[in-house]
Amino acid sequence: MLQKIRMIESDKKSYVNNKNIHAALDIGNSQISCMIAQGASNNSVQIKVLGFGQHVSIGLTQGKVTDLSKLSDSIAKAVESAERMAGFPIDSVNCNINGGYPSTKLSVNTIKIMSQNIKNEDIIKATKLNKNLSSNNQVLLNRNIVRYLIDNNFEVENPLGLKSNTLTVETNNIFVDKDVLSNLRKTIELCHLSVSNFYITPEVSGISTMLKDER
């Protein structure tokens, strides 16, 4: 019996330390859901659901936190249900944002290439955010590269190492209200959890339902 308990505890530790374990937290105005899953070893699409939990959402109105204590208690109960089903605890989650006045802004930056070939530092320089895009009340949440262009507006998949006089990078920048984001983070941290990434709900819906070409 003792040996069996040790084997169970060993399995739990292996899950906790497994980098392929992911936890998602969906904080809605009416319901909170938590899912713990393990990614497939042979691809980046399939997952195996290990635990799932739900609880009524209390302390959130129109995507804004109205009561830190009540909302954190609702989150904790949803997470605990998922942990109980999975058989091990989690310490970080990926979370969505339903409110926060999200906005997306496209930016296009073009730089001259001083060396013979495009280097990694050139790509970093071209992808730097234009400060004029953001406002005082918003914070950059995510940044996705739409495409790379080299001489004559020729689109390439990866410009690193290519010969070109210019490099153009088009990016899609996602902003949210910094106070809404801060309050959500504080609420989750009250549950002794950290947030690996925040995503706006429309972005998550698109990622989960569309193919790469459709995105």
N, C-alpha and C. Protein backbone atom coordinates (compact mmCIF):
# COMPACT_ATOMS: atom_id res chain seq x y z
N MET A 1 0.83 -1.20 0.00
CA MET A 1 0.00 0.00 0.00
C MET A 1 0.87 1.26 0.00
N LEU A 2 1.91 1.25 0.84
CA LEU A 2 2.81 2.38 0.93
C LEU A 2 3.52 2.62 -0.40
N GLN A 3 3.90 1.52 -1.06
CA GLN A 3 4.58 1.63 -2.35
C GLN A 3 3.65 2.24 -3.38
N LYS A 4 2.36 1.86 -3.33
CA LYS A 4 1.37 2.40 -4.27
C LYS A 4 1.20 3.89 -4.08
N ILE A 5 1.16 4.35 -2.80
CA ILE A 5 1.02 5.78 -2.49
C ILE A 5 2.21 6.55 -3.03
N ARG A 6 3.43 5.98 -2.85
CA ARG A 6 4.63 6.64 -3.34
C ARG A 6 4.61 6.76 -4.87
N MET A 7 4.09 5.72 -5.55
CA MET A 7 4.01 5.76 -7.00
C MET A 7 3.04 6.84 -7.45
N ILE A 8 1.91 7.00 -6.74
CA ILE A 8 0.93 8.04 -7.07
C ILE A 8 1.54 9.42 -6.88
N GLU A 9 2.26 9.59 -5.73
CA GLU A 9 2.89 10.88 -5.46
C GLU A 9 3.95 11.18 -6.51
N SER A 10 4.68 10.16 -6.97
CA SER A 10 5.70 10.34 -8.00
C SER A 10 5.07 10.78 -9.31
N ASP A 11 3.92 10.18 -9.65
CA ASP A 11 3.20 10.56 -10.87
C ASP A 11 2.74 12.00 -10.80
N LYS A 12 2.28 12.42 -9.62
CA LYS A 12 1.82 13.80 -9.43
C LYS A 12 2.97 14.78 -9.66
N LYS A 13 4.14 14.46 -9.09
CA LYS A 13 5.30 15.34 -9.24
C LYS A 13 5.73 15.43 -10.69
N SER A 14 5.64 14.29 -11.42
CA SER A 14 6.04 14.29 -12.82
C SER A 14 5.12 15.17 -13.63
N TYR A 15 3.83 15.18 -13.29
CA TYR A 15 2.87 16.05 -13.98
C TYR A 15 3.15 17.51 -13.67
N VAL A 16 3.41 17.81 -12.38
CA VAL A 16 3.65 19.19 -11.96
C VAL A 16 4.88 19.76 -12.66
N ASN A 17 5.93 18.95 -12.81
CA ASN A 17 7.18 19.41 -13.41
C ASN A 17 7.19 19.29 -14.94
N ASN A 18 6.12 18.76 -15.50
CA ASN A 18 6.03 18.56 -16.94
C ASN A 18 5.75 19.89 -17.64
N LYS A 19 6.68 20.30 -18.51
CA LYS A 19 6.51 21.57 -19.22
C LYS A 19 5.41 21.51 -20.26
N ASN A 20 4.92 20.31 -20.55
CA ASN A 20 3.88 20.15 -21.55
C ASN A 20 2.48 20.22 -20.94
N ILE A 21 2.40 20.57 -19.66
CA ILE A 21 1.12 20.75 -18.98
C ILE A 21 0.70 22.21 -19.08
N HIS A 22 -0.54 22.44 -19.49
CA HIS A 22 -1.05 23.79 -19.67
C HIS A 22 -2.36 23.95 -18.91
N ALA A 23 -2.56 25.13 -18.32
CA ALA A 23 -3.80 25.42 -17.62
C ALA A 23 -4.41 26.70 -18.19
N ALA A 24 -5.70 26.64 -18.48
CA ALA A 24 -6.41 27.79 -19.04
C ALA A 24 -7.51 28.22 -18.09
N LEU A 25 -7.65 29.52 -17.92
CA LEU A 25 -8.68 30.08 -17.05
C LEU A 25 -9.55 31.04 -17.85
N ASP A 26 -10.83 30.73 -17.91
CA ASP A 26 -11.79 31.58 -18.64
C ASP A 26 -12.66 32.30 -17.61
N ILE A 27 -12.42 33.59 -17.45
CA ILE A 27 -13.17 34.39 -16.48
C ILE A 27 -14.26 35.15 -17.21
N GLY A 28 -15.49 34.67 -17.11
CA GLY A 28 -16.63 35.30 -17.75
C GLY A 28 -17.47 36.07 -16.76
N ASN A 29 -18.41 36.84 -17.26
CA ASN A 29 -19.28 37.63 -16.39
C ASN A 29 -20.28 36.76 -15.62
N SER A 30 -20.61 35.57 -16.16
CA SER A 30 -21.57 34.70 -15.50
C SER A 30 -20.96 33.39 -15.01
N GLN A 31 -19.84 32.97 -15.61
CA GLN A 31 -19.26 31.68 -15.26
C GLN A 31 -17.74 31.71 -15.39
N ILE A 32 -17.07 30.96 -14.53
CA ILE A 32 -15.62 30.82 -14.57
C ILE A 32 -15.29 29.36 -14.83
N SER A 33 -14.40 29.11 -15.81
CA SER A 33 -14.02 27.75 -16.16
C SER A 33 -12.51 27.62 -16.10
N CYS A 34 -12.06 26.46 -15.67
CA CYS A 34 -10.62 26.17 -15.64
C CYS A 34 -10.39 24.79 -16.26
N MET A 35 -9.41 24.71 -17.14
CA MET A 35 -9.07 23.43 -17.76
C MET A 35 -7.57 23.18 -17.64
N ILE A 36 -7.21 21.98 -17.26
CA ILE A 36 -5.82 21.54 -17.20
C ILE A 36 -5.63 20.48 -18.27
N ALA A 37 -4.64 20.66 -19.12
CA ALA A 37 -4.46 19.74 -20.24
C ALA A 37 -2.99 19.45 -20.47
N GLN A 38 -2.74 18.37 -21.18
CA GLN A 38 -1.38 17.99 -21.55
C GLN A 38 -1.27 17.99 -23.08
N GLY A 39 -0.26 18.69 -23.59
CA GLY A 39 -0.08 18.77 -25.02
C GLY A 39 0.46 17.48 -25.59
N ALA A 40 0.09 17.19 -26.84
CA ALA A 40 0.58 15.98 -27.51
C ALA A 40 2.07 16.12 -27.79
N SER A 41 2.78 15.01 -27.71
CA SER A 41 4.22 15.03 -27.90
C SER A 41 4.63 15.13 -29.36
N ASN A 42 3.71 14.76 -30.27
CA ASN A 42 4.06 14.73 -31.69
C ASN A 42 3.52 15.89 -32.51
N ASN A 43 2.73 16.79 -31.88
CA ASN A 43 2.24 17.97 -32.59
C ASN A 43 1.86 19.05 -31.59
N SER A 44 1.58 20.25 -32.10
CA SER A 44 1.27 21.40 -31.24
C SER A 44 -0.22 21.74 -31.24
N VAL A 45 -1.05 20.83 -31.72
CA VAL A 45 -2.48 21.10 -31.85
C VAL A 45 -3.31 20.28 -30.85
N GLN A 46 -3.04 18.98 -30.78
CA GLN A 46 -3.85 18.10 -29.95
C GLN A 46 -3.49 18.23 -28.48
N ILE A 47 -4.50 18.09 -27.63
CA ILE A 47 -4.31 18.10 -26.18
C ILE A 47 -5.13 16.99 -25.53
N LYS A 48 -4.69 16.58 -24.36
CA LYS A 48 -5.44 15.62 -23.56
C LYS A 48 -5.92 16.33 -22.30
N VAL A 49 -7.23 16.43 -22.13
CA VAL A 49 -7.80 17.12 -20.97
C VAL A 49 -7.63 16.25 -19.73
N LEU A 50 -6.99 16.82 -18.72
CA LEU A 50 -6.73 16.09 -17.47
C LEU A 50 -7.68 16.51 -16.36
N GLY A 51 -8.12 17.75 -16.41
CA GLY A 51 -9.02 18.24 -15.36
C GLY A 51 -9.83 19.42 -15.84
N PHE A 52 -11.06 19.53 -15.32
CA PHE A 52 -11.94 20.63 -15.72
C PHE A 52 -12.81 21.02 -14.54
N GLY A 53 -13.00 22.33 -14.34
CA GLY A 53 -13.83 22.81 -13.26
C GLY A 53 -14.55 24.10 -13.62
N GLN A 54 -15.74 24.28 -13.04
CA GLN A 54 -16.54 25.49 -13.30
C GLN A 54 -17.13 26.00 -12.00
N HIS A 55 -17.40 27.31 -11.99
CA HIS A 55 -18.08 27.92 -10.84
C HIS A 55 -18.74 29.21 -11.31
N VAL A 56 -19.82 29.57 -10.65
CA VAL A 56 -20.50 30.81 -10.99
C VAL A 56 -19.57 32.00 -10.75
N SER A 57 -19.62 32.98 -11.63
CA SER A 57 -18.75 34.15 -11.52
C SER A 57 -19.40 35.22 -10.65
N ILE A 58 -18.72 35.59 -9.57
CA ILE A 58 -19.21 36.62 -8.65
C ILE A 58 -18.11 37.66 -8.47
N GLY A 59 -18.44 38.94 -8.63
CA GLY A 59 -17.45 39.99 -8.44
C GLY A 59 -16.89 40.54 -9.73
N LEU A 60 -17.55 40.22 -10.85
CA LEU A 60 -17.12 40.72 -12.16
C LEU A 60 -18.32 41.22 -12.93
N THR A 61 -18.25 42.45 -13.43
CA THR A 61 -19.33 43.05 -14.21
C THR A 61 -18.76 43.70 -15.46
N GLN A 62 -19.26 43.29 -16.62
CA GLN A 62 -18.81 43.82 -17.90
C GLN A 62 -17.29 43.75 -18.05
N GLY A 63 -16.74 42.65 -17.58
CA GLY A 63 -15.30 42.43 -17.71
C GLY A 63 -14.45 43.17 -16.71
N LYS A 64 -15.06 43.90 -15.78
CA LYS A 64 -14.32 44.66 -14.78
C LYS A 64 -14.51 44.04 -13.40
N VAL A 65 -13.43 44.01 -12.62
CA VAL A 65 -13.50 43.46 -11.27
C VAL A 65 -14.24 44.44 -10.37
N THR A 66 -15.30 43.96 -9.70
CA THR A 66 -16.06 44.80 -8.77
C THR A 66 -15.85 44.38 -7.32
N ASP A 67 -15.32 43.15 -7.11
CA ASP A 67 -15.03 42.68 -5.76
C ASP A 67 -13.90 41.67 -5.85
N LEU A 68 -12.70 42.07 -5.41
CA LEU A 68 -11.53 41.21 -5.49
C LEU A 68 -11.72 39.90 -4.72
N SER A 69 -12.25 39.99 -3.54
CA SER A 69 -12.39 38.83 -2.67
C SER A 69 -13.38 37.81 -3.24
N LYS A 70 -14.55 38.29 -3.66
CA LYS A 70 -15.57 37.38 -4.19
C LYS A 70 -15.13 36.72 -5.49
N LEU A 71 -14.49 37.51 -6.36
CA LEU A 71 -14.05 36.95 -7.63
C LEU A 71 -12.92 35.94 -7.43
N SER A 72 -11.98 36.25 -6.55
CA SER A 72 -10.88 35.32 -6.30
C SER A 72 -11.40 34.02 -5.69
N ASP A 73 -12.44 34.11 -4.87
CA ASP A 73 -13.04 32.90 -4.28
C ASP A 73 -13.70 32.05 -5.37
N SER A 74 -14.36 32.70 -6.33
CA SER A 74 -14.99 31.97 -7.44
C SER A 74 -13.94 31.30 -8.31
N ILE A 75 -12.84 32.02 -8.57
CA ILE A 75 -11.75 31.46 -9.37
C ILE A 75 -11.13 30.26 -8.66
N ALA A 76 -10.90 30.41 -7.36
CA ALA A 76 -10.28 29.34 -6.57
C ALA A 76 -11.10 28.05 -6.61
N LYS A 77 -12.42 28.20 -6.55
CA LYS A 77 -13.28 27.01 -6.55
C LYS A 77 -13.28 26.31 -7.91
N ALA A 78 -13.24 27.09 -8.98
CA ALA A 78 -13.16 26.50 -10.32
C ALA A 78 -11.83 25.79 -10.52
N VAL A 79 -10.74 26.42 -10.06
CA VAL A 79 -9.40 25.84 -10.19
C VAL A 79 -9.28 24.58 -9.33
N GLU A 80 -9.81 24.63 -8.11
CA GLU A 80 -9.73 23.47 -7.22
C GLU A 80 -10.45 22.26 -7.80
N SER A 81 -11.57 22.49 -8.47
CA SER A 81 -12.31 21.39 -9.10
C SER A 81 -11.48 20.76 -10.21
N ALA A 82 -10.81 21.61 -11.01
CA ALA A 82 -9.95 21.09 -12.09
C ALA A 82 -8.76 20.35 -11.52
N GLU A 83 -8.16 20.87 -10.45
CA GLU A 83 -7.01 20.22 -9.82
C GLU A 83 -7.40 18.87 -9.23
N ARG A 84 -8.59 18.81 -8.63
CA ARG A 84 -9.06 17.56 -8.02
C ARG A 84 -9.22 16.48 -9.09
N MET A 85 -9.75 16.87 -10.24
CA MET A 85 -9.93 15.90 -11.33
C MET A 85 -8.59 15.48 -11.92
N ALA A 86 -7.67 16.45 -12.06
CA ALA A 86 -6.36 16.15 -12.64
C ALA A 86 -5.48 15.35 -11.68
N GLY A 87 -5.67 15.59 -10.39
CA GLY A 87 -4.89 14.85 -9.39
C GLY A 87 -3.62 15.53 -8.97
N PHE A 88 -3.42 16.79 -9.37
CA PHE A 88 -2.23 17.53 -8.97
C PHE A 88 -2.53 19.03 -9.04
N PRO A 89 -1.78 19.86 -8.29
CA PRO A 89 -2.02 21.31 -8.28
C PRO A 89 -1.31 22.01 -9.43
N ILE A 90 -1.78 23.20 -9.73
CA ILE A 90 -1.13 24.05 -10.73
C ILE A 90 -0.69 25.34 -10.06
N ASP A 91 0.29 26.03 -10.66
CA ASP A 91 0.75 27.29 -10.08
C ASP A 91 0.69 28.45 -11.06
N SER A 92 0.32 28.18 -12.33
CA SER A 92 0.20 29.25 -13.31
C SER A 92 -0.89 28.93 -14.31
N VAL A 93 -1.45 29.96 -14.90
CA VAL A 93 -2.54 29.79 -15.86
C VAL A 93 -2.37 30.74 -17.03
N ASN A 94 -3.01 30.40 -18.15
CA ASN A 94 -3.21 31.32 -19.26
C ASN A 94 -4.64 31.82 -19.15
N CYS A 95 -4.83 33.13 -19.18
CA CYS A 95 -6.13 33.69 -18.87
C CYS A 95 -6.63 34.61 -19.98
N ASN A 96 -7.95 34.62 -20.16
CA ASN A 96 -8.55 35.51 -21.15
C ASN A 96 -9.02 36.81 -20.49
N ILE A 97 -9.24 37.81 -21.31
CA ILE A 97 -9.77 39.09 -20.84
C ILE A 97 -11.03 39.41 -21.64
N ASN A 98 -12.18 39.45 -20.94
CA ASN A 98 -13.44 39.75 -21.61
C ASN A 98 -13.66 41.25 -21.76
N GLY A 99 -13.11 42.02 -20.83
CA GLY A 99 -13.30 43.47 -20.87
C GLY A 99 -11.99 44.17 -21.22
N GLY A 100 -11.81 45.34 -20.63
CA GLY A 100 -10.54 46.05 -20.81
C GLY A 100 -10.46 46.89 -22.07
N TYR A 101 -11.60 47.11 -22.72
CA TYR A 101 -11.65 47.93 -23.94
C TYR A 101 -10.53 47.56 -24.91
N PRO A 102 -10.48 46.28 -25.32
CA PRO A 102 -9.38 45.86 -26.20
C PRO A 102 -9.42 46.54 -27.56
N SER A 103 -8.26 46.80 -28.09
CA SER A 103 -8.15 47.39 -29.43
C SER A 103 -6.95 46.80 -30.13
N THR A 104 -7.04 46.68 -31.43
CA THR A 104 -5.91 46.18 -32.22
C THR A 104 -5.49 47.27 -33.21
N LYS A 105 -4.20 47.45 -33.34
CA LYS A 105 -3.66 48.47 -34.24
C LYS A 105 -2.53 47.87 -35.07
N LEU A 106 -2.64 48.05 -36.37
CA LEU A 106 -1.59 47.57 -37.26
C LEU A 106 -0.47 48.59 -37.35
N SER A 107 0.75 48.11 -37.39
CA SER A 107 1.89 49.00 -37.57
C SER A 107 2.80 48.44 -38.65
N VAL A 108 3.44 49.36 -39.40
CA VAL A 108 4.35 48.98 -40.47
C VAL A 108 5.65 49.75 -40.27
N ASN A 109 6.74 49.03 -40.07
CA ASN A 109 8.05 49.66 -39.87
C ASN A 109 9.01 49.18 -40.96
N THR A 110 9.70 50.13 -41.56
CA THR A 110 10.69 49.81 -42.59
C THR A 110 12.05 50.37 -42.18
N ILE A 111 13.08 49.54 -42.27
CA ILE A 111 14.43 49.98 -41.94
C ILE A 111 15.38 49.65 -43.09
N LYS A 112 16.47 50.37 -43.15
CA LYS A 112 17.51 50.07 -44.14
C LYS A 112 18.48 49.06 -43.56
N ILE A 113 18.91 48.13 -44.39
CA ILE A 113 19.86 47.10 -43.97
C ILE A 113 21.26 47.60 -44.29
N MET A 114 22.08 47.78 -43.27
CA MET A 114 23.41 48.34 -43.45
C MET A 114 24.44 47.29 -43.85
N SER A 115 24.22 46.04 -43.46
CA SER A 115 25.15 44.97 -43.81
C SER A 115 24.67 44.26 -45.08
N GLN A 116 25.38 43.26 -45.50
CA GLN A 116 25.01 42.55 -46.72
C GLN A 116 23.76 41.70 -46.55
N ASN A 117 23.59 41.14 -45.38
CA ASN A 117 22.45 40.26 -45.13
C ASN A 117 21.68 40.71 -43.90
N ILE A 118 20.40 40.34 -43.85
CA ILE A 118 19.54 40.68 -42.71
C ILE A 118 19.95 39.87 -41.49
N LYS A 119 20.22 40.56 -40.40
CA LYS A 119 20.63 39.92 -39.17
C LYS A 119 19.48 39.94 -38.16
N ASN A 120 19.66 39.19 -37.09
CA ASN A 120 18.63 39.11 -36.05
C ASN A 120 18.36 40.48 -35.42
N GLU A 121 19.43 41.27 -35.24
CA GLU A 121 19.25 42.61 -34.66
C GLU A 121 18.45 43.52 -35.58
N ASP A 122 18.53 43.29 -36.90
CA ASP A 122 17.71 44.06 -37.85
C ASP A 122 16.23 43.75 -37.66
N ILE A 123 15.92 42.47 -37.46
CA ILE A 123 14.53 42.06 -37.27
C ILE A 123 13.98 42.66 -35.97
N ILE A 124 14.80 42.62 -34.92
CA ILE A 124 14.38 43.19 -33.63
C ILE A 124 14.13 44.69 -33.77
N LYS A 125 15.01 45.38 -34.47
CA LYS A 125 14.87 46.81 -34.67
C LYS A 125 13.60 47.15 -35.44
N ALA A 126 13.31 46.35 -36.47
CA ALA A 126 12.13 46.60 -37.30
C ALA A 126 10.82 46.29 -36.60
N THR A 127 10.86 45.42 -35.58
CA THR A 127 9.64 45.03 -34.88
C THR A 127 9.39 45.86 -33.62
N LYS A 128 10.24 46.84 -33.34
CA LYS A 128 10.02 47.69 -32.17
C LYS A 128 8.73 48.47 -32.32
N LEU A 129 8.03 48.60 -31.20
CA LEU A 129 6.73 49.25 -31.21
C LEU A 129 6.86 50.76 -31.38
N ASN A 130 6.00 51.29 -32.24
CA ASN A 130 5.90 52.74 -32.40
C ASN A 130 5.16 53.30 -31.19
N LYS A 131 5.81 54.17 -30.42
CA LYS A 131 5.22 54.70 -29.19
C LYS A 131 3.94 55.47 -29.43
N ASN A 132 3.75 55.98 -30.63
CA ASN A 132 2.55 56.76 -30.94
C ASN A 132 1.29 55.89 -31.02
N LEU A 133 1.47 54.56 -31.07
CA LEU A 133 0.33 53.66 -31.19
C LEU A 133 -0.44 53.54 -29.88
N SER A 134 0.24 53.63 -28.76
CA SER A 134 -0.39 53.40 -27.46
C SER A 134 -0.79 54.70 -26.80
N SER A 135 -1.74 54.59 -25.85
CA SER A 135 -2.18 55.75 -25.08
C SER A 135 -1.80 55.54 -23.62
N ASN A 136 -2.04 56.55 -22.81
CA ASN A 136 -1.65 56.48 -21.39
C ASN A 136 -2.45 55.44 -20.62
N ASN A 137 -3.69 55.16 -21.06
CA ASN A 137 -4.55 54.25 -20.31
C ASN A 137 -4.49 52.81 -20.82
N GLN A 138 -3.71 52.59 -21.87
CA GLN A 138 -3.63 51.25 -22.43
C GLN A 138 -2.23 50.67 -22.32
N VAL A 139 -2.18 49.35 -22.30
CA VAL A 139 -0.90 48.65 -22.23
C VAL A 139 -0.89 47.59 -23.32
N LEU A 140 0.30 47.37 -23.89
CA LEU A 140 0.44 46.36 -24.93
C LEU A 140 0.29 44.97 -24.32
N LEU A 141 -0.64 44.19 -24.82
CA LEU A 141 -0.90 42.86 -24.30
C LEU A 141 -0.17 41.80 -25.12
N ASN A 142 -0.38 41.81 -26.43
CA ASN A 142 0.27 40.85 -27.32
C ASN A 142 0.65 41.53 -28.63
N ARG A 143 1.64 40.97 -29.27
CA ARG A 143 2.13 41.51 -30.54
C ARG A 143 2.39 40.36 -31.49
N ASN A 144 1.71 40.37 -32.62
CA ASN A 144 1.84 39.29 -33.59
C ASN A 144 2.36 39.82 -34.92
N ILE A 145 3.35 39.15 -35.46
CA ILE A 145 3.89 39.55 -36.76
C ILE A 145 2.97 39.06 -37.86
N VAL A 146 2.53 39.98 -38.72
CA VAL A 146 1.64 39.64 -39.82
C VAL A 146 2.45 39.12 -41.00
N ARG A 147 3.49 39.87 -41.39
CA ARG A 147 4.34 39.43 -42.49
C ARG A 147 5.62 40.24 -42.55
N TYR A 148 6.62 39.66 -43.24
CA TYR A 148 7.89 40.33 -43.52
C TYR A 148 7.95 40.65 -45.01
N LEU A 149 8.50 41.83 -45.34
CA LEU A 149 8.69 42.23 -46.73
C LEU A 149 10.13 42.70 -46.92
N ILE A 150 10.75 42.28 -48.03
CA ILE A 150 12.08 42.78 -48.35
C ILE A 150 11.98 43.63 -49.61
N ASP A 151 13.05 43.83 -50.34
CA ASP A 151 13.05 44.72 -51.51
C ASP A 151 11.89 44.43 -52.45
N ASN A 152 11.33 45.53 -53.01
CA ASN A 152 10.22 45.44 -53.98
C ASN A 152 8.96 44.80 -53.38
N ASN A 153 8.80 44.98 -52.04
CA ASN A 153 7.63 44.46 -51.33
C ASN A 153 7.43 42.96 -51.53
N PHE A 154 8.54 42.25 -51.60
CA PHE A 154 8.46 40.80 -51.76
C PHE A 154 8.30 40.15 -50.39
N GLU A 155 7.21 39.40 -50.21
CA GLU A 155 6.91 38.78 -48.92
C GLU A 155 7.74 37.51 -48.72
N VAL A 156 8.33 37.39 -47.52
CA VAL A 156 9.12 36.20 -47.18
C VAL A 156 8.65 35.65 -45.84
N GLU A 157 8.89 34.37 -45.65
CA GLU A 157 8.47 33.73 -44.40
C GLU A 157 9.43 34.03 -43.26
N ASN A 158 10.74 34.01 -43.57
CA ASN A 158 11.76 34.29 -42.57
C ASN A 158 12.89 35.09 -43.24
N PRO A 159 13.06 36.37 -42.88
CA PRO A 159 14.05 37.20 -43.56
C PRO A 159 15.49 37.00 -43.10
N LEU A 160 15.68 36.26 -42.02
CA LEU A 160 17.01 36.10 -41.44
C LEU A 160 17.99 35.52 -42.47
N GLY A 161 19.10 36.24 -42.70
CA GLY A 161 20.14 35.78 -43.60
C GLY A 161 19.95 36.15 -45.05
N LEU A 162 18.79 36.71 -45.40
CA LEU A 162 18.52 37.07 -46.80
C LEU A 162 19.21 38.38 -47.15
N LYS A 163 19.56 38.53 -48.42
CA LYS A 163 20.18 39.76 -48.90
C LYS A 163 19.08 40.73 -49.34
N SER A 164 19.11 41.94 -48.79
CA SER A 164 18.10 42.95 -49.11
C SER A 164 18.59 44.32 -48.64
N ASN A 165 18.12 45.35 -49.31
CA ASN A 165 18.47 46.71 -48.89
C ASN A 165 17.55 47.23 -47.79
N THR A 166 16.34 46.69 -47.74
CA THR A 166 15.36 47.13 -46.74
C THR A 166 14.66 45.93 -46.12
N LEU A 167 14.07 46.17 -44.95
CA LEU A 167 13.24 45.16 -44.30
C LEU A 167 12.00 45.86 -43.75
N THR A 168 10.84 45.36 -44.12
CA THR A 168 9.57 45.89 -43.63
C THR A 168 8.86 44.82 -42.81
N VAL A 169 8.39 45.21 -41.64
CA VAL A 169 7.67 44.28 -40.77
C VAL A 169 6.29 44.86 -40.45
N GLU A 170 5.26 44.09 -40.75
CA GLU A 170 3.89 44.46 -40.40
C GLU A 170 3.49 43.68 -39.16
N THR A 171 3.01 44.37 -38.15
CA THR A 171 2.63 43.71 -36.90
C THR A 171 1.23 44.12 -36.49
N ASN A 172 0.56 43.20 -35.78
CA ASN A 172 -0.75 43.47 -35.21
C ASN A 172 -0.57 43.60 -33.70
N ASN A 173 -0.87 44.78 -33.16
CA ASN A 173 -0.62 45.08 -31.75
C ASN A 173 -1.95 45.13 -31.00
N ILE A 174 -2.03 44.38 -29.89
CA ILE A 174 -3.26 44.29 -29.11
C ILE A 174 -3.07 45.03 -27.79
N PHE A 175 -3.97 45.99 -27.53
CA PHE A 175 -3.91 46.81 -26.32
C PHE A 175 -5.15 46.60 -25.46
N VAL A 176 -4.98 46.73 -24.14
CA VAL A 176 -6.10 46.69 -23.21
C VAL A 176 -5.90 47.76 -22.14
N ASP A 177 -6.97 48.06 -21.44
CA ASP A 177 -6.91 49.03 -20.35
C ASP A 177 -6.01 48.49 -19.23
N LYS A 178 -5.02 49.26 -18.83
CA LYS A 178 -4.03 48.77 -17.87
C LYS A 178 -4.63 48.53 -16.48
N ASP A 179 -5.66 49.30 -16.09
CA ASP A 179 -6.27 49.10 -14.78
C ASP A 179 -7.08 47.81 -14.73
N VAL A 180 -7.81 47.53 -15.81
CA VAL A 180 -8.58 46.28 -15.89
C VAL A 180 -7.63 45.09 -15.82
N LEU A 181 -6.53 45.16 -16.54
CA LEU A 181 -5.54 44.09 -16.54
C LEU A 181 -4.91 43.91 -15.16
N SER A 182 -4.58 45.02 -14.51
CA SER A 182 -3.95 44.97 -13.19
C SER A 182 -4.88 44.35 -12.15
N ASN A 183 -6.15 44.73 -12.18
CA ASN A 183 -7.11 44.19 -11.21
C ASN A 183 -7.35 42.70 -11.41
N LEU A 184 -7.38 42.25 -12.66
CA LEU A 184 -7.54 40.82 -12.93
C LEU A 184 -6.33 40.04 -12.43
N ARG A 185 -5.14 40.59 -12.67
CA ARG A 185 -3.92 39.92 -12.23
C ARG A 185 -3.90 39.81 -10.70
N LYS A 186 -4.28 40.89 -10.00
CA LYS A 186 -4.31 40.87 -8.53
C LYS A 186 -5.28 39.81 -8.02
N THR A 187 -6.44 39.70 -8.68
CA THR A 187 -7.45 38.74 -8.25
C THR A 187 -6.94 37.32 -8.37
N ILE A 188 -6.27 37.02 -9.49
CA ILE A 188 -5.74 35.67 -9.70
C ILE A 188 -4.60 35.37 -8.73
N GLU A 189 -3.78 36.36 -8.44
CA GLU A 189 -2.67 36.18 -7.52
C GLU A 189 -3.15 35.90 -6.09
N LEU A 190 -4.36 36.37 -5.75
CA LEU A 190 -4.95 36.06 -4.45
C LEU A 190 -5.22 34.57 -4.31
N CYS A 191 -5.31 33.87 -5.44
CA CYS A 191 -5.52 32.41 -5.44
C CYS A 191 -4.18 31.67 -5.45
N HIS A 192 -3.08 32.41 -5.23
CA HIS A 192 -1.73 31.84 -5.23
C HIS A 192 -1.37 31.26 -6.60
N LEU A 193 -1.84 31.95 -7.64
CA LEU A 193 -1.54 31.57 -9.02
C LEU A 193 -0.86 32.74 -9.73
N SER A 194 0.01 32.42 -10.66
CA SER A 194 0.60 33.45 -11.51
C SER A 194 0.00 33.31 -12.91
N VAL A 195 0.10 34.38 -13.69
CA VAL A 195 -0.46 34.37 -15.04
C VAL A 195 0.69 34.30 -16.04
N SER A 196 0.71 33.22 -16.81
CA SER A 196 1.75 33.07 -17.84
C SER A 196 1.50 34.04 -18.99
N ASN A 197 0.24 34.07 -19.46
CA ASN A 197 -0.13 34.96 -20.57
C ASN A 197 -1.58 35.38 -20.44
N PHE A 198 -1.84 36.61 -20.87
CA PHE A 198 -3.21 37.10 -21.00
C PHE A 198 -3.54 37.17 -22.49
N TYR A 199 -4.79 36.86 -22.82
CA TYR A 199 -5.26 36.97 -24.20
C TYR A 199 -6.66 37.59 -24.20
N ILE A 200 -6.95 38.41 -25.20
CA ILE A 200 -8.32 38.90 -25.32
C ILE A 200 -9.17 37.77 -25.89
N THR A 201 -10.44 37.72 -25.50
CA THR A 201 -11.31 36.61 -25.88
C THR A 201 -11.43 36.41 -27.39
N PRO A 202 -11.61 37.47 -28.20
CA PRO A 202 -11.70 37.25 -29.65
C PRO A 202 -10.45 36.60 -30.24
N GLU A 203 -9.28 36.94 -29.69
CA GLU A 203 -8.03 36.35 -30.19
C GLU A 203 -7.99 34.86 -29.88
N VAL A 204 -8.38 34.48 -28.66
CA VAL A 204 -8.39 33.07 -28.28
C VAL A 204 -9.39 32.29 -29.13
N SER A 205 -10.55 32.88 -29.38
CA SER A 205 -11.57 32.22 -30.21
C SER A 205 -11.03 31.96 -31.61
N GLY A 206 -10.32 32.95 -32.16
CA GLY A 206 -9.76 32.80 -33.49
C GLY A 206 -8.68 31.73 -33.54
N ILE A 207 -7.80 31.71 -32.54
CA ILE A 207 -6.72 30.73 -32.49
C ILE A 207 -7.28 29.31 -32.39
N SER A 208 -8.34 29.15 -31.60
CA SER A 208 -8.86 27.80 -31.32
C SER A 208 -9.77 27.26 -32.42
N THR A 209 -10.30 28.12 -33.29
CA THR A 209 -11.27 27.65 -34.28
C THR A 209 -10.79 27.77 -35.72
N MET A 210 -9.70 28.49 -35.97
CA MET A 210 -9.25 28.68 -37.34
C MET A 210 -7.93 27.97 -37.61
N LEU A 211 -7.74 27.57 -38.86
CA LEU A 211 -6.48 27.01 -39.29
C LEU A 211 -5.45 28.11 -39.47
N LYS A 212 -4.18 27.74 -39.57
CA LYS A 212 -3.11 28.70 -39.69
C LYS A 212 -3.31 29.63 -40.89
N ASP A 213 -3.68 29.06 -42.05
CA ASP A 213 -3.91 29.87 -43.26
C ASP A 213 -5.07 30.84 -43.08
N GLU A 214 -6.11 30.42 -42.35
CA GLU A 214 -7.26 31.29 -42.12
C GLU A 214 -6.91 32.45 -41.20
N ARG A 215 -6.03 32.20 -40.22
CA ARG A 215 -5.62 33.26 -39.33
C ARG A 215 -4.86 34.35 -40.09
